[in-house]
């Protein structure tokens, strides 16, 4: 059995509070026969020091986060904390794992964190970088230059780099990274967890007084700027103006939640065809998706197809996503979902209207969506396969060296 140290170094990640995806990755590695030792950065911080979730409304409502005057100082202080935290994290993993028989150190990319790389180098074992682009999405700070330098260093020194799209792979290749050391592992889904449950879907509709015959158009996710939930509000206004028998159900929270609620209220659709509810616990997500017929990703980055798309598809909803290359790696237009022109509320509303009017088309696309994820986008077929491929490559390289 291979032993892997999985370093999730960010200060906001703890053993008991991390993303669903991280739990799924650890679980699938163990299912395919790998012993995983997870190390979360937040676990070496006193609980009162832990930062609020970056996606929460409270985090963004702080007055100083809205002031450009404070941005330089805030970014600089945060970077300084990262540098100190990385050193503490390195001492922790070195003390705990230096003598342990590890085959690989795998580190989830986090700004100004390279404790995993340092440990791998000290033990002279392969290092895998789970690379995330746009970690440093600001321009001015005291340690900005150093953060950039560390990212370049990690990319250069990694034995293997795992990315979540071919878009990111191509970006790395343009930076001079060898194609041979880049592996693509798309986001995935647990189809058993996100299996459509008609009974739970009806219960959700009853809870929010949604007519059982309505077509429910849903969004479930954060109100981050790149998800452009304002666009969905605009499209909902157009659809609700002409259509009956449709309800929009938006679930989540984040920086733009209050603004979206204000727009919906001003347009006269809030609680009149459009329902907005706060974020829910992870276990509630599949239930809510079971109440929806159509799901919309109103906006996204242009580098990674988000995990919510796979969850939407596994739940047998018809997915609409903006036309970026990363999304079309998963959503095949008019085959297992629909693609719309980014930032175009008219195109989005027209496609929603077409689906509302065509139940046969909805059924066909939703069935194909489910089949697609079952055949291509389970955790075993993505992140499970990648770890086995890397371990096999490592084994082959050792064998070749032994022969010579």
Protein backbone atom coordinates (compact mmCIF):
# COMPACT_ATOMS: atom_id res chain seq x y z
CA UNK A 1 0.00 0.00 0.00
CA UNK A 2 1.29 3.45 -0.95
CA UNK A 3 1.55 6.09 1.78
CA UNK A 4 0.77 9.69 0.86
CA UNK A 5 0.98 12.87 2.91
CA UNK A 6 -1.74 15.22 1.66
CA UNK A 7 -0.98 18.79 2.72
CA UNK A 8 -3.87 21.26 2.59
CA UNK A 9 -1.93 24.17 3.99
CA UNK A 10 -4.35 27.09 3.82
CA UNK A 11 -5.06 28.68 7.20
CA UNK A 12 -8.83 28.37 6.74
CA UNK A 13 -8.85 24.58 6.26
CA UNK A 14 -9.24 22.29 9.26
CA UNK A 15 -9.90 18.60 9.78
CA UNK A 16 -13.51 19.34 10.69
CA UNK A 17 -14.09 22.25 8.30
CA UNK A 18 -13.01 21.85 4.71
CA UNK A 19 -14.50 21.56 1.26
CA UNK A 20 -16.63 18.61 0.18
CA UNK A 21 -14.16 17.99 -2.63
CA UNK A 22 -11.23 17.48 -0.26
CA UNK A 23 -13.20 14.85 1.66
CA UNK A 24 -14.11 13.12 -1.61
CA UNK A 25 -10.50 13.09 -2.81
CA UNK A 26 -9.23 11.57 0.43
CA UNK A 27 -12.03 8.99 0.40
CA UNK A 28 -11.45 7.87 -3.17
CA UNK A 29 -7.69 7.55 -2.64
CA UNK A 30 -8.34 5.26 0.28
CA UNK A 31 -10.87 3.27 -1.75
CA UNK A 32 -8.28 2.60 -4.45
CA UNK A 33 -5.78 1.34 -1.89
CA UNK A 34 -3.76 4.37 -0.82
CA UNK A 35 -3.06 5.27 2.81
CA UNK A 36 -3.63 9.00 3.16
CA UNK A 37 -2.22 11.19 5.93
CA UNK A 38 -4.08 14.53 5.63
CA UNK A 39 -2.56 17.64 7.21
CA UNK A 40 -4.73 20.76 7.35
CA UNK A 41 -3.14 24.15 7.90
CA UNK A 42 -5.90 25.43 10.14
CA UNK A 43 -5.32 22.64 12.65
CA UNK A 44 -2.15 24.30 13.92
CA UNK A 45 -3.98 27.56 14.67
CA UNK A 46 -5.96 28.26 17.82
CA UNK A 47 -9.67 28.20 17.03
CA UNK A 48 -10.15 31.89 17.85
CA UNK A 49 -7.53 32.79 15.24
CA UNK A 50 -9.32 31.00 12.40
CA UNK A 51 -10.60 33.36 9.78
CA UNK A 52 -14.22 33.58 8.76
CA UNK A 53 -15.09 31.80 5.57
CA UNK A 54 -14.12 33.86 2.52
CA UNK A 55 -17.53 33.09 1.02
CA UNK A 56 -19.58 34.32 3.97
CA UNK A 57 -21.52 37.56 3.94
CA UNK A 58 -20.00 38.63 7.28
CA UNK A 59 -16.50 38.40 5.85
CA UNK A 60 -17.30 40.80 3.01
CA UNK A 61 -19.40 43.15 5.13
CA UNK A 62 -16.40 44.30 7.15
CA UNK A 63 -16.00 47.99 6.36
CA UNK A 64 -12.25 47.79 5.87
CA UNK A 65 -12.61 45.13 3.16
CA UNK A 66 -14.57 47.62 1.09
CA UNK A 67 -11.93 50.33 1.36
CA UNK A 68 -9.17 50.55 -1.26
CA UNK A 69 -7.16 52.52 1.26
CA UNK A 70 -6.81 49.46 3.48
CA UNK A 71 -6.27 46.87 0.72
CA UNK A 72 -2.49 47.19 0.61
CA UNK A 73 -2.15 46.76 4.37
CA UNK A 74 -4.71 43.94 4.54
CA UNK A 75 -3.05 41.97 1.74
CA UNK A 76 0.42 42.53 3.19
CA UNK A 77 -0.62 41.44 6.68
CA UNK A 78 -2.34 38.35 5.30
CA UNK A 79 0.77 37.43 3.31
CA UNK A 80 2.98 37.88 6.36
CA UNK A 81 0.69 35.56 8.32
CA UNK A 82 0.95 33.01 5.49
CA UNK A 83 4.75 33.12 5.55
CA UNK A 84 4.88 32.58 9.31
CA UNK A 85 2.17 29.92 9.11
CA UNK A 86 4.07 28.02 6.41
CA UNK A 87 7.12 27.78 8.65
CA UNK A 88 5.02 26.49 11.53
CA UNK A 89 3.37 23.98 9.21
CA UNK A 90 6.74 22.76 7.93
CA UNK A 91 8.01 22.19 11.45
CA UNK A 92 4.82 20.25 12.21
CA UNK A 93 4.97 17.94 9.18
CA UNK A 94 8.71 17.45 9.50
CA UNK A 95 8.41 16.41 13.15
CA UNK A 96 5.51 14.08 12.40
CA UNK A 97 6.39 12.63 9.00
CA UNK A 98 10.14 12.87 8.36
CA UNK A 99 10.76 9.38 9.74
CA UNK A 100 7.56 7.92 8.28
CA UNK A 101 7.72 5.76 5.16
CA UNK A 102 6.06 8.02 2.60
CA UNK A 103 5.90 7.38 -1.14
CA UNK A 104 4.68 10.82 -2.17
CA UNK A 105 3.98 14.25 -0.69
CA UNK A 106 0.96 15.84 -2.35
CA UNK A 107 0.24 19.52 -1.65
CA UNK A 108 -2.89 21.45 -2.51
CA UNK A 109 -1.68 24.79 -3.81
CA UNK A 110 -2.12 27.64 -1.38
CA UNK A 111 -0.62 31.12 -1.48
CA UNK A 112 2.84 31.35 0.10
CA UNK A 113 2.71 27.74 1.30
CA UNK A 114 5.37 25.25 0.32
CA UNK A 115 5.81 23.14 3.46
CA UNK A 116 4.95 20.00 1.51
CA UNK A 117 7.57 20.70 -1.12
CA UNK A 118 10.24 21.34 1.54
CA UNK A 119 9.45 18.04 3.25
CA UNK A 120 9.50 16.08 -0.04
CA UNK A 121 12.88 17.59 -0.91
CA UNK A 122 14.31 16.81 2.53
CA UNK A 123 13.14 13.19 2.22
CA UNK A 124 14.11 12.99 -1.47
CA UNK A 125 10.72 11.63 -2.53
CA UNK A 126 8.38 12.76 -5.36
CA UNK A 127 6.30 15.90 -4.87
CA UNK A 128 2.88 16.42 -6.45
CA UNK A 129 1.54 19.96 -6.76
CA UNK A 130 -2.24 20.28 -7.02
CA UNK A 131 -2.04 23.56 -8.89
CA UNK A 132 -4.60 26.36 -8.60
CA UNK A 133 -4.35 29.39 -10.83
CA UNK A 134 -5.26 32.92 -9.70
CA UNK A 135 -4.04 32.44 -6.14
CA UNK A 136 -2.66 35.96 -6.14
CA UNK A 137 -5.55 37.90 -7.70
CA UNK A 138 -4.54 41.33 -6.43
CA UNK A 139 -1.87 43.78 -7.56
CA UNK A 140 -0.45 45.63 -4.58
CA UNK A 141 1.04 44.30 -1.36
CA UNK A 142 4.36 44.16 0.43
CA UNK A 143 5.09 40.51 -0.38
CA UNK A 144 3.41 40.29 -3.79
CA UNK A 145 6.73 39.71 -5.54
CA UNK A 146 7.60 36.91 -3.12
CA UNK A 147 4.23 35.20 -3.56
CA UNK A 148 4.75 35.18 -7.33
CA UNK A 149 8.28 33.85 -6.95
CA UNK A 150 7.14 30.98 -4.70
CA UNK A 151 4.47 29.93 -7.21
CA UNK A 152 7.06 29.75 -10.00
CA UNK A 153 9.39 27.80 -7.72
CA UNK A 154 6.73 25.23 -6.81
CA UNK A 155 5.83 24.69 -10.46
CA UNK A 156 9.48 24.24 -11.40
CA UNK A 157 10.34 21.85 -8.57
CA UNK A 158 7.22 19.65 -8.67
CA UNK A 159 7.71 16.14 -10.04
CA UNK A 160 4.04 16.03 -11.03
CA UNK A 161 1.42 18.75 -11.39
CA UNK A 162 -2.29 17.99 -11.23
CA UNK A 163 -4.78 20.49 -12.64
CA UNK A 164 -8.58 20.51 -12.95
CA UNK A 165 -8.90 21.35 -16.64
CA UNK A 166 -7.12 21.13 -19.97
CA UNK A 167 -7.27 24.92 -20.02
CA UNK A 168 -4.93 25.00 -17.01
CA UNK A 169 -2.74 22.32 -18.55
CA UNK A 170 -2.27 24.44 -21.66
CA UNK A 171 -1.52 27.46 -19.49
CA UNK A 172 1.27 25.56 -17.75
CA UNK A 173 2.66 24.38 -21.07
CA UNK A 174 2.88 28.00 -22.25
CA UNK A 175 4.89 28.70 -19.07
CA UNK A 176 7.40 26.09 -20.20
CA UNK A 177 6.23 23.15 -18.09
CA UNK A 178 6.76 19.76 -19.71
CA UNK A 179 3.57 18.10 -20.91
CA UNK A 180 4.78 14.81 -19.41
CA UNK A 181 4.52 15.95 -15.80
CA UNK A 182 1.04 17.51 -16.06
CA UNK A 183 -2.02 15.40 -15.21
CA UNK A 184 -5.62 16.53 -15.69
CA UNK A 185 -8.21 15.47 -13.10
CA UNK A 186 -11.58 17.10 -13.74
CA UNK A 187 -13.90 17.79 -10.86
CA UNK A 188 -16.26 14.93 -10.14
CA UNK A 189 -19.25 13.76 -8.13
CA UNK A 190 -20.45 10.95 -5.89
CA UNK A 191 -23.48 9.71 -7.87
CA UNK A 192 -24.91 7.84 -4.89
CA UNK A 193 -24.99 10.99 -2.79
CA UNK A 194 -26.45 13.07 -5.60
CA UNK A 195 -28.96 10.54 -6.84
CA UNK A 196 -32.27 12.22 -7.56
CA UNK A 197 -34.84 11.59 -4.86
CA UNK A 198 -38.38 12.43 -5.96
CA UNK A 199 -39.80 12.23 -2.44
CA UNK A 200 -37.24 14.69 -1.05
CA UNK A 201 -37.76 16.98 -4.03
CA UNK A 202 -41.49 17.14 -3.32
CA UNK A 203 -40.76 17.84 0.35
CA UNK A 204 -38.56 20.82 -0.60
CA UNK A 205 -41.26 22.17 -2.91
CA UNK A 206 -43.83 21.90 -0.14
CA UNK A 207 -41.50 23.61 2.31
CA UNK A 208 -41.17 26.69 0.07
CA UNK A 209 -44.76 26.62 -1.25
CA UNK A 210 -43.74 25.80 -4.80
CA UNK A 211 -46.48 24.35 -6.99
CA UNK A 212 -45.82 20.68 -7.64
CA UNK A 213 -46.32 21.23 -11.38
CA UNK A 214 -44.00 24.22 -11.68
CA UNK A 215 -40.75 23.96 -13.60
CA UNK A 216 -38.11 24.88 -11.02
CA UNK A 217 -35.04 26.73 -12.29
CA UNK A 218 -32.33 26.59 -9.66
CA UNK A 219 -28.96 27.88 -8.63
CA UNK A 220 -27.06 26.44 -5.70
CA UNK A 221 -23.69 27.95 -4.85
CA UNK A 222 -21.86 31.01 -3.64
CA UNK A 223 -22.57 34.60 -4.62
CA UNK A 224 -18.97 35.19 -5.63
CA UNK A 225 -18.33 37.77 -8.37
CA UNK A 226 -17.34 35.16 -10.94
CA UNK A 227 -20.68 33.32 -10.59
CA UNK A 228 -22.48 36.48 -11.76
CA UNK A 229 -25.75 35.72 -9.99
CA UNK A 230 -27.00 39.17 -11.03
CA UNK A 231 -27.22 37.80 -14.58
CA UNK A 232 -29.55 35.05 -13.40
CA UNK A 233 -31.77 37.66 -11.69
CA UNK A 234 -31.96 39.60 -14.96
CA UNK A 235 -32.84 36.46 -16.91
CA UNK A 236 -35.46 35.49 -14.32
CA UNK A 237 -37.13 38.89 -14.80
CA UNK A 238 -37.41 38.23 -18.53
CA UNK A 239 -38.71 34.69 -18.09
CA UNK A 240 -41.24 35.52 -15.35
CA UNK A 241 -42.62 38.38 -17.42
CA UNK A 242 -43.87 35.98 -20.10
CA UNK A 243 -44.11 32.58 -18.44
CA UNK A 244 -46.41 30.99 -15.90
CA UNK A 245 -45.75 27.73 -14.10
CA UNK A 246 -42.10 28.45 -13.35
CA UNK A 247 -40.28 29.19 -10.09
CA UNK A 248 -36.67 30.28 -9.64
CA UNK A 249 -35.01 28.91 -6.50
CA UNK A 250 -31.62 30.41 -5.56
CA UNK A 251 -29.70 28.90 -2.66
CA UNK A 252 -26.48 30.25 -1.18
CA UNK A 253 -24.69 33.23 0.30
CA UNK A 254 -21.68 35.41 -0.35
CA UNK A 255 -20.44 38.83 -1.32
CA UNK A 256 -23.17 39.60 -3.89
CA UNK A 257 -26.11 38.02 -2.06
CA UNK A 258 -27.52 41.28 -0.68
CA UNK A 259 -27.17 43.06 -4.00
CA UNK A 260 -29.00 40.26 -5.83
CA UNK A 261 -31.78 40.33 -3.27
CA UNK A 262 -32.07 44.10 -3.66
CA UNK A 263 -32.29 43.81 -7.48
CA UNK A 264 -34.91 41.06 -7.28
CA UNK A 265 -36.95 43.14 -4.85
CA UNK A 266 -36.73 46.26 -7.04
CA UNK A 267 -37.79 44.22 -10.08
CA UNK A 268 -40.80 42.95 -8.16
CA UNK A 269 -39.96 39.25 -8.45
CA UNK A 270 -38.61 38.48 -4.97
CA UNK A 271 -40.97 35.89 -3.47
CA UNK A 272 -43.13 36.39 -6.55
CA UNK A 273 -41.67 33.75 -8.82
CA UNK A 274 -38.14 33.95 -7.41
CA UNK A 275 -37.16 32.59 -4.01
CA UNK A 276 -33.79 33.29 -2.38
CA UNK A 277 -32.72 31.24 0.62
CA UNK A 278 -29.51 31.30 2.63
CA UNK A 279 -26.73 28.75 2.33
CA UNK A 280 -27.44 25.25 3.63
CA UNK A 281 -25.45 22.40 5.17
CA UNK A 282 -23.72 20.02 2.75
CA UNK A 283 -26.15 17.21 3.48
CA UNK A 284 -29.07 19.39 2.34
CA UNK A 285 -27.64 20.08 -1.12
CA UNK A 286 -28.77 16.83 -2.83
CA UNK A 287 -32.29 17.29 -1.44
CA UNK A 288 -32.56 20.79 -2.88
CA UNK A 289 -31.23 19.67 -6.25
CA UNK A 290 -33.88 16.94 -6.33
CA UNK A 291 -36.53 19.69 -6.34
CA UNK A 292 -35.06 21.37 -9.44
CA UNK A 293 -35.65 20.68 -13.13
CA UNK A 294 -33.20 23.16 -14.64
CA UNK A 295 -29.98 24.36 -13.02
CA UNK A 296 -27.98 27.37 -14.09
CA UNK A 297 -24.36 28.31 -13.65
CA UNK A 298 -24.80 32.02 -14.51
CA UNK A 299 -21.08 32.74 -14.49
CA UNK A 300 -17.76 31.06 -13.83
CA UNK A 301 -14.06 31.50 -14.21
CA UNK A 302 -12.71 30.55 -17.61
CA UNK A 303 -10.19 28.06 -16.23
CA UNK A 304 -12.08 25.34 -14.27
CA UNK A 305 -15.50 23.76 -14.63
CA UNK A 306 -16.82 23.94 -11.04
CA UNK A 307 -17.86 20.88 -9.08
CA UNK A 308 -21.44 22.15 -8.85
CA UNK A 309 -21.88 21.35 -12.56
CA UNK A 310 -21.18 17.66 -11.93
CA UNK A 311 -23.55 17.69 -8.95
CA UNK A 312 -26.26 19.34 -11.05
CA UNK A 313 -25.81 16.70 -13.75
CA UNK A 314 -25.79 13.73 -11.37
CA UNK A 315 -29.06 15.04 -9.90
CA UNK A 316 -30.70 14.71 -13.34
CA UNK A 317 -31.27 18.40 -13.91
CA UNK A 318 -30.73 20.17 -17.21
CA UNK A 319 -27.56 22.25 -16.85
CA UNK A 320 -26.97 25.63 -18.49
CA UNK A 321 -23.40 26.92 -18.38
CA UNK A 322 -21.53 29.85 -19.96
CA UNK A 323 -19.53 29.11 -23.08
CA UNK A 324 -15.98 28.83 -21.75
CA UNK A 325 -13.59 26.08 -22.83
CA UNK A 326 -13.34 24.68 -19.32
CA UNK A 327 -17.13 24.25 -19.15
CA UNK A 328 -17.37 22.68 -22.59
CA UNK A 329 -14.94 20.01 -21.43
CA UNK A 330 -17.91 18.73 -19.42
CA UNK A 331 -21.14 20.19 -20.82
CA UNK A 332 -21.70 19.18 -24.44
CA UNK A 333 -24.21 21.57 -25.98
CA UNK A 334 -27.57 19.98 -26.79
CA UNK A 335 -26.24 16.56 -25.76
CA UNK A 336 -26.00 16.58 -21.95
CA UNK A 337 -26.83 20.24 -21.29
CA UNK A 338 -26.93 23.67 -22.86
CA UNK A 339 -24.27 26.33 -23.37
CA UNK A 340 -25.14 30.04 -23.44
CA UNK A 341 -23.22 33.15 -24.40
CA UNK A 342 -21.38 34.51 -21.34
CA UNK A 343 -22.77 37.72 -19.81
CA UNK A 344 -25.83 37.56 -22.13
CA UNK A 345 -29.05 37.52 -20.10
CA UNK A 346 -31.16 37.44 -23.26
CA UNK A 347 -29.51 34.28 -24.56
CA UNK A 348 -29.81 32.67 -21.14
CA UNK A 349 -33.49 33.58 -20.74
CA UNK A 350 -34.32 32.32 -24.24
CA UNK A 351 -32.71 28.97 -23.50
CA UNK A 352 -34.56 28.71 -20.19
CA UNK A 353 -37.84 29.51 -21.96
CA UNK A 354 -37.14 26.84 -24.57
CA UNK A 355 -36.57 24.23 -21.87
CA UNK A 356 -39.70 25.24 -19.97
CA UNK A 357 -41.74 24.75 -23.14
CA UNK A 358 -40.14 21.39 -24.01
CA UNK A 359 -40.50 18.73 -21.28
CA UNK A 360 -39.31 15.98 -23.66
CA UNK A 361 -36.11 17.90 -24.32
CA UNK A 362 -35.62 18.43 -20.59
CA UNK A 363 -35.99 14.73 -19.92
CA UNK A 364 -33.57 13.75 -22.68
CA UNK A 365 -30.85 16.21 -21.63
CA UNK A 366 -31.17 15.39 -17.93
CA UNK A 367 -30.86 11.64 -18.57
CA UNK A 368 -27.81 12.17 -20.74
CA UNK A 369 -26.28 14.38 -18.05
CA UNK A 370 -26.64 11.66 -15.44
CA UNK A 371 -25.24 8.99 -17.77
CA UNK A 372 -22.30 11.21 -18.68
CA UNK A 373 -21.14 11.71 -15.11
CA UNK A 374 -21.65 8.03 -14.31
CA UNK A 375 -19.41 7.06 -17.22
CA UNK A 376 -16.81 9.81 -16.97
CA UNK A 377 -16.93 11.97 -13.86
CA UNK A 378 -17.07 9.84 -10.74
CA UNK A 379 -14.24 10.34 -8.25
CA UNK A 380 -12.86 6.89 -9.13
CA UNK A 381 -12.62 7.83 -12.80
CA UNK A 382 -10.89 11.16 -12.18
CA UNK A 383 -8.95 11.64 -8.92
CA UNK A 384 -8.79 7.94 -8.15
CA UNK A 385 -7.33 7.18 -11.57
CA UNK A 386 -4.84 10.04 -11.37
CA UNK A 387 -3.24 8.88 -8.13
CA UNK A 388 -2.87 5.34 -9.52
CA UNK A 389 -1.36 6.71 -12.76
CA UNK A 390 1.18 8.80 -10.82
CA UNK A 391 2.12 5.88 -8.56
CA UNK A 392 2.54 3.62 -11.61
CA UNK A 393 4.72 6.22 -13.34
CA UNK A 394 6.83 6.58 -10.19
CA UNK A 395 7.19 2.80 -9.98
CA UNK A 396 8.19 2.55 -13.66
CA UNK A 397 10.84 5.24 -13.25
CA UNK A 398 12.35 3.46 -10.26
CA UNK A 399 12.38 0.17 -12.17
CA UNK A 400 14.12 1.79 -15.14
CA UNK A 401 16.79 3.30 -12.87
CA UNK A 402 17.36 -0.06 -11.19
CA UNK A 403 17.88 -1.73 -14.57
CA UNK A 404 20.54 0.75 -15.51
